[in-house]
N, C-alpha and C. Protein backbone atom coordinates (compact mmCIF):
# COMPACT_ATOMS: atom_id res chain seq x y z
N MET A 1 5.05 -14.73 11.06
CA MET A 1 3.63 -13.50 10.88
C MET A 1 4.02 -12.30 11.77
N MET A 2 4.45 -11.10 11.19
CA MET A 2 4.03 -9.61 10.71
C MET A 2 3.50 -9.42 12.42
N ILE A 3 3.57 -8.19 13.37
CA ILE A 3 2.36 -8.75 14.04
C ILE A 3 2.26 -6.47 13.60
N LYS A 4 1.07 -6.26 13.56
CA LYS A 4 0.13 -4.86 12.88
C LYS A 4 0.94 -4.24 13.89
N PRO A 5 1.44 -3.04 13.22
CA PRO A 5 1.80 -1.46 13.93
C PRO A 5 0.91 -0.97 14.57
N ASP A 6 1.41 -0.24 15.47
CA ASP A 6 -0.16 0.46 16.31
C ASP A 6 -0.01 1.76 15.07
N TRP A 7 0.96 2.50 14.12
CA TRP A 7 -0.29 3.30 13.27
C TRP A 7 -0.96 2.65 12.01
N LEU A 8 -1.06 1.37 11.87
CA LEU A 8 -2.55 1.14 11.17
C LEU A 8 -4.02 0.87 11.82
N ASN A 9 -4.15 2.22 11.95
CA ASN A 9 -6.01 1.71 11.85
C ASN A 9 -7.02 1.76 10.48
N ARG A 10 -7.66 1.18 10.29
CA ARG A 10 -7.83 0.76 9.24
C ARG A 10 -9.39 1.87 8.71
N GLN A 11 -9.42 2.55 10.16
CA GLN A 11 -10.36 4.13 9.93
C GLN A 11 -9.29 5.12 9.53
N ASN A 12 -8.56 4.91 8.74
CA ASN A 12 -7.21 6.21 8.67
C ASN A 12 -7.07 5.80 6.99
N ILE A 13 -7.44 5.20 6.68
CA ILE A 13 -6.92 4.51 4.97
C ILE A 13 -7.63 5.52 3.88
N ARG A 14 -7.48 6.54 3.63
CA ARG A 14 -7.83 7.31 3.19
C ARG A 14 -8.29 6.70 1.57
N ILE A 15 -6.93 5.89 0.53
CA ILE A 15 -7.63 5.34 -0.26
C ILE A 15 -7.31 3.72 -0.10
N SER A 16 -8.19 3.35 -0.91
CA SER A 16 -7.86 1.60 -0.87
C SER A 16 -7.61 1.41 -2.92
N LEU A 17 -6.76 0.79 -3.30
CA LEU A 17 -6.28 0.51 -4.77
C LEU A 17 -6.33 -1.39 -4.85
N ASP A 18 -7.45 -1.74 -5.68
CA ASP A 18 -7.37 -2.98 -6.36
C ASP A 18 -6.50 -2.94 -6.91
N ALA A 19 -5.06 -3.54 -7.02
CA ALA A 19 -3.91 -3.33 -7.82
C ALA A 19 -4.73 -4.30 -9.88
N ARG A 20 -4.17 -5.44 -8.72
CA ARG A 20 -4.92 -7.21 -9.63
C ARG A 20 -5.35 -6.80 -10.67
N PRO A 21 -6.25 -5.93 -11.46
CA PRO A 21 -6.86 -6.03 -12.85
C PRO A 21 -5.37 -5.35 -13.83
N LEU A 22 -5.40 -4.01 -12.77
CA LEU A 22 -4.22 -3.16 -13.42
C LEU A 22 -2.87 -3.79 -14.29
N LEU A 23 -2.75 -4.84 -12.87
CA LEU A 23 -1.37 -5.84 -13.25
C LEU A 23 -1.46 -6.50 -14.67
N ALA A 24 -3.27 -7.16 -14.22
CA ALA A 24 -3.67 -8.53 -15.61
C ALA A 24 -3.83 -7.47 -16.86
N ALA A 25 -3.77 -6.31 -16.59
CA ALA A 25 -3.74 -5.53 -18.07
C ALA A 25 -2.37 -5.47 -18.44
N GLY A 26 -0.96 -5.82 -17.66
CA GLY A 26 0.08 -5.52 -17.97
C GLY A 26 0.04 -3.22 -18.04
N GLN A 27 -0.69 -2.99 -17.04
CA GLN A 27 0.26 -1.49 -16.72
C GLN A 27 0.78 -1.74 -14.65
N HIS A 28 1.70 -1.11 -13.93
CA HIS A 28 1.80 -0.82 -13.31
C HIS A 28 1.04 -0.39 -12.61
N PRO A 29 0.80 -0.16 -11.11
CA PRO A 29 0.18 0.97 -10.84
C PRO A 29 1.36 2.04 -9.88
N LEU A 30 2.31 2.28 -9.74
CA LEU A 30 2.63 2.52 -9.01
C LEU A 30 2.46 4.47 -9.48
N ASP A 31 2.82 4.98 -10.29
CA ASP A 31 3.08 6.50 -10.99
C ASP A 31 1.35 6.48 -10.18
N CYS A 32 0.22 5.72 -10.21
CA CYS A 32 -1.44 6.00 -10.15
C CYS A 32 -0.77 6.10 -8.44
N VAL A 33 -0.34 5.40 -7.94
CA VAL A 33 -0.15 5.06 -6.56
C VAL A 33 0.92 6.43 -5.14
N ILE A 34 1.89 6.62 -6.33
CA ILE A 34 2.56 7.73 -6.23
C ILE A 34 1.81 9.58 -6.27
N SER A 35 1.13 9.40 -7.51
CA SER A 35 -0.15 10.27 -7.48
C SER A 35 -0.64 10.81 -6.96
N GLU A 36 -1.54 10.20 -6.51
CA GLU A 36 -2.69 9.90 -4.80
C GLU A 36 -2.29 10.23 -3.63
N THR A 37 -0.91 9.58 -3.36
CA THR A 37 -0.40 9.62 -1.98
C THR A 37 0.46 11.39 -2.49
N GLY A 38 0.41 11.73 -2.82
CA GLY A 38 1.02 13.19 -2.86
C GLY A 38 0.81 14.06 -2.54
N SER A 39 -0.50 14.08 -1.83
CA SER A 39 -1.19 15.10 -0.99
C SER A 39 -1.78 14.49 0.28
N PHE A 40 -0.74 13.30 0.94
CA PHE A 40 -1.72 12.50 2.01
C PHE A 40 -0.92 13.43 3.63
N GLY A 41 -1.12 14.29 4.53
CA GLY A 41 -1.07 13.49 5.53
C GLY A 41 -0.51 12.48 5.70
N SER A 42 0.08 13.44 7.34
CA SER A 42 1.45 11.88 8.53
C SER A 42 -0.49 12.29 8.87
N GLY A 43 -0.01 10.60 9.06
CA GLY A 43 -0.78 9.57 9.77
C GLY A 43 -1.69 9.05 8.58
N GLU A 44 -2.03 9.28 7.43
CA GLU A 44 -3.15 9.30 6.31
C GLU A 44 -2.46 8.00 5.77
N ILE A 45 -3.87 6.70 5.77
CA ILE A 45 -3.39 5.83 5.01
C ILE A 45 -3.88 5.88 4.01
N TYR A 46 -2.71 4.88 2.59
CA TYR A 46 -2.79 3.75 1.02
C TYR A 46 -3.25 2.50 1.28
N GLU A 47 -3.99 1.66 1.28
CA GLU A 47 -3.83 0.54 1.13
C GLU A 47 -3.90 0.09 -0.76
N ILE A 48 -3.21 -0.55 -0.68
CA ILE A 48 -2.89 -1.50 -2.30
C ILE A 48 -3.46 -2.35 -2.33
N ILE A 49 -4.26 -3.29 -2.65
CA ILE A 49 -4.26 -4.57 -2.83
C ILE A 49 -3.62 -5.88 -3.97
N THR A 50 -2.11 -6.40 -4.37
CA THR A 50 -1.34 -7.41 -5.43
C THR A 50 -1.75 -8.74 -5.19
N PRO A 51 -1.71 -9.13 -6.36
CA PRO A 51 -1.00 -10.49 -5.47
C PRO A 51 0.01 -11.36 -5.47
N PHE A 52 1.15 -9.89 -5.47
CA PHE A 52 1.83 -10.62 -4.98
C PHE A 52 3.10 -9.52 -3.96
N PHE A 53 4.00 -10.15 -3.46
CA PHE A 53 4.39 -9.01 -2.10
C PHE A 53 5.39 -8.01 -3.30
N PRO A 54 4.97 -6.62 -2.89
CA PRO A 54 5.10 -5.58 -3.71
C PRO A 54 6.62 -4.81 -3.30
N ALA A 55 7.85 -5.51 -3.08
CA ALA A 55 9.02 -4.97 -2.75
C ALA A 55 9.01 -4.03 -3.32
N PRO A 56 9.80 -3.08 -4.74
CA PRO A 56 10.31 -2.54 -4.72
C PRO A 56 8.89 -1.12 -4.44
N MET A 57 8.06 -1.64 -4.77
CA MET A 57 6.93 0.12 -4.31
C MET A 57 7.68 0.38 -2.85
N ILE A 58 7.44 -1.15 -1.54
CA ILE A 58 7.93 -0.66 -0.32
C ILE A 58 9.26 0.40 -0.44
N GLU A 59 9.89 -0.38 -1.16
CA GLU A 59 11.43 0.36 -0.63
C GLU A 59 11.12 1.86 -1.11
N LYS A 60 10.83 2.30 -2.75
CA LYS A 60 10.25 3.78 -2.63
C LYS A 60 9.35 4.75 -2.18
N PHE A 61 7.96 3.60 -1.04
CA PHE A 61 7.72 4.68 -0.58
C PHE A 61 8.57 4.42 0.58
N SER A 62 9.38 3.40 1.38
CA SER A 62 10.23 3.69 2.45
C SER A 62 11.19 5.31 2.57
N ALA A 63 11.63 5.36 0.98
CA ALA A 63 12.20 6.59 1.04
C ALA A 63 11.40 8.42 0.88
N ARG A 64 10.49 8.46 0.18
CA ARG A 64 9.66 9.06 -0.03
C ARG A 64 8.63 9.49 2.48
N GLY A 65 9.30 8.86 3.13
CA GLY A 65 8.29 9.28 4.07
C GLY A 65 7.49 8.08 4.87
N PHE A 66 6.41 6.74 3.57
CA PHE A 66 5.89 6.20 4.10
C PHE A 66 6.61 4.98 5.21
N ASN A 67 5.80 4.82 6.43
CA ASN A 67 6.02 3.01 6.57
C ASN A 67 5.14 2.23 6.15
N SER A 68 5.02 1.38 6.28
CA SER A 68 4.59 0.69 5.33
C SER A 68 4.68 -1.33 6.13
N PHE A 69 3.27 -1.84 5.64
CA PHE A 69 3.47 -2.66 6.46
C PHE A 69 2.70 -4.37 5.56
N THR A 70 2.70 -5.39 5.61
CA THR A 70 1.73 -6.03 4.34
C THR A 70 1.28 -7.56 4.91
N GLU A 71 0.01 -7.87 5.32
CA GLU A 71 -0.12 -9.06 4.80
C GLU A 71 -0.98 -9.61 3.80
N GLN A 72 -0.91 -10.81 3.98
CA GLN A 72 -1.69 -11.72 3.47
C GLN A 72 -2.78 -12.66 3.55
N ASP A 73 -4.16 -12.16 2.35
CA ASP A 73 -5.32 -12.26 3.15
C ASP A 73 -5.29 -14.07 2.64
N SER A 74 -6.48 -14.62 3.48
CA SER A 74 -7.05 -15.99 2.97
C SER A 74 -7.15 -16.72 1.76
N GLU A 75 -6.96 -15.45 1.37
CA GLU A 75 -7.06 -15.84 -0.20
C GLU A 75 -5.74 -15.60 -1.34
N GLY A 76 -5.07 -15.69 -0.63
CA GLY A 76 -3.83 -15.40 -0.82
C GLY A 76 -2.98 -13.70 -1.62
N ALA A 77 -3.94 -12.78 -2.31
CA ALA A 77 -3.44 -11.69 -2.20
C ALA A 77 -2.89 -10.95 -1.14
N PHE A 78 -1.84 -10.23 -1.23
CA PHE A 78 -0.93 -9.14 -0.60
C PHE A 78 -1.97 -7.82 -0.32
N ARG A 79 -2.03 -7.67 0.36
CA ARG A 79 -2.45 -5.61 1.26
C ARG A 79 -1.40 -5.27 1.54
N THR A 80 -0.64 -4.03 1.29
CA THR A 80 0.03 -2.99 1.98
C THR A 80 -0.34 -1.72 1.83
N PHE A 81 -0.11 -1.64 3.11
CA PHE A 81 -0.58 -0.38 3.58
C PHE A 81 0.60 0.59 3.81
N PHE A 82 0.39 1.66 3.21
CA PHE A 82 1.01 3.00 3.26
C PHE A 82 0.92 3.85 4.03
N CYS A 83 1.90 4.55 4.99
CA CYS A 83 1.33 5.19 6.04
C CYS A 83 2.27 6.59 5.90
N LYS A 84 1.89 7.63 6.04
CA LYS A 84 2.59 8.89 5.80
C LYS A 84 2.87 9.08 6.95
N VAL A 85 4.12 9.25 7.32
CA VAL A 85 4.74 9.51 8.35
C VAL A 85 4.74 11.40 9.01
């Protein structure tokens, strides 16, 4: 179990996207997330909910200057938080 980082303050979540319906329809949310985070300022958080651990997305956003943290909820969904550094 990973320890929640200090930067993860849920009051700083600017956008939350449940990507499960998109993924079920065969759509990939990456372009949408990149577009929506383009204007994020330091400390703002994007939350995405997926049915799996989104490793490629985490790598992509790390390269774009975001910290990330993922937790699995009681229903098995993965909640990944991206915070603009």
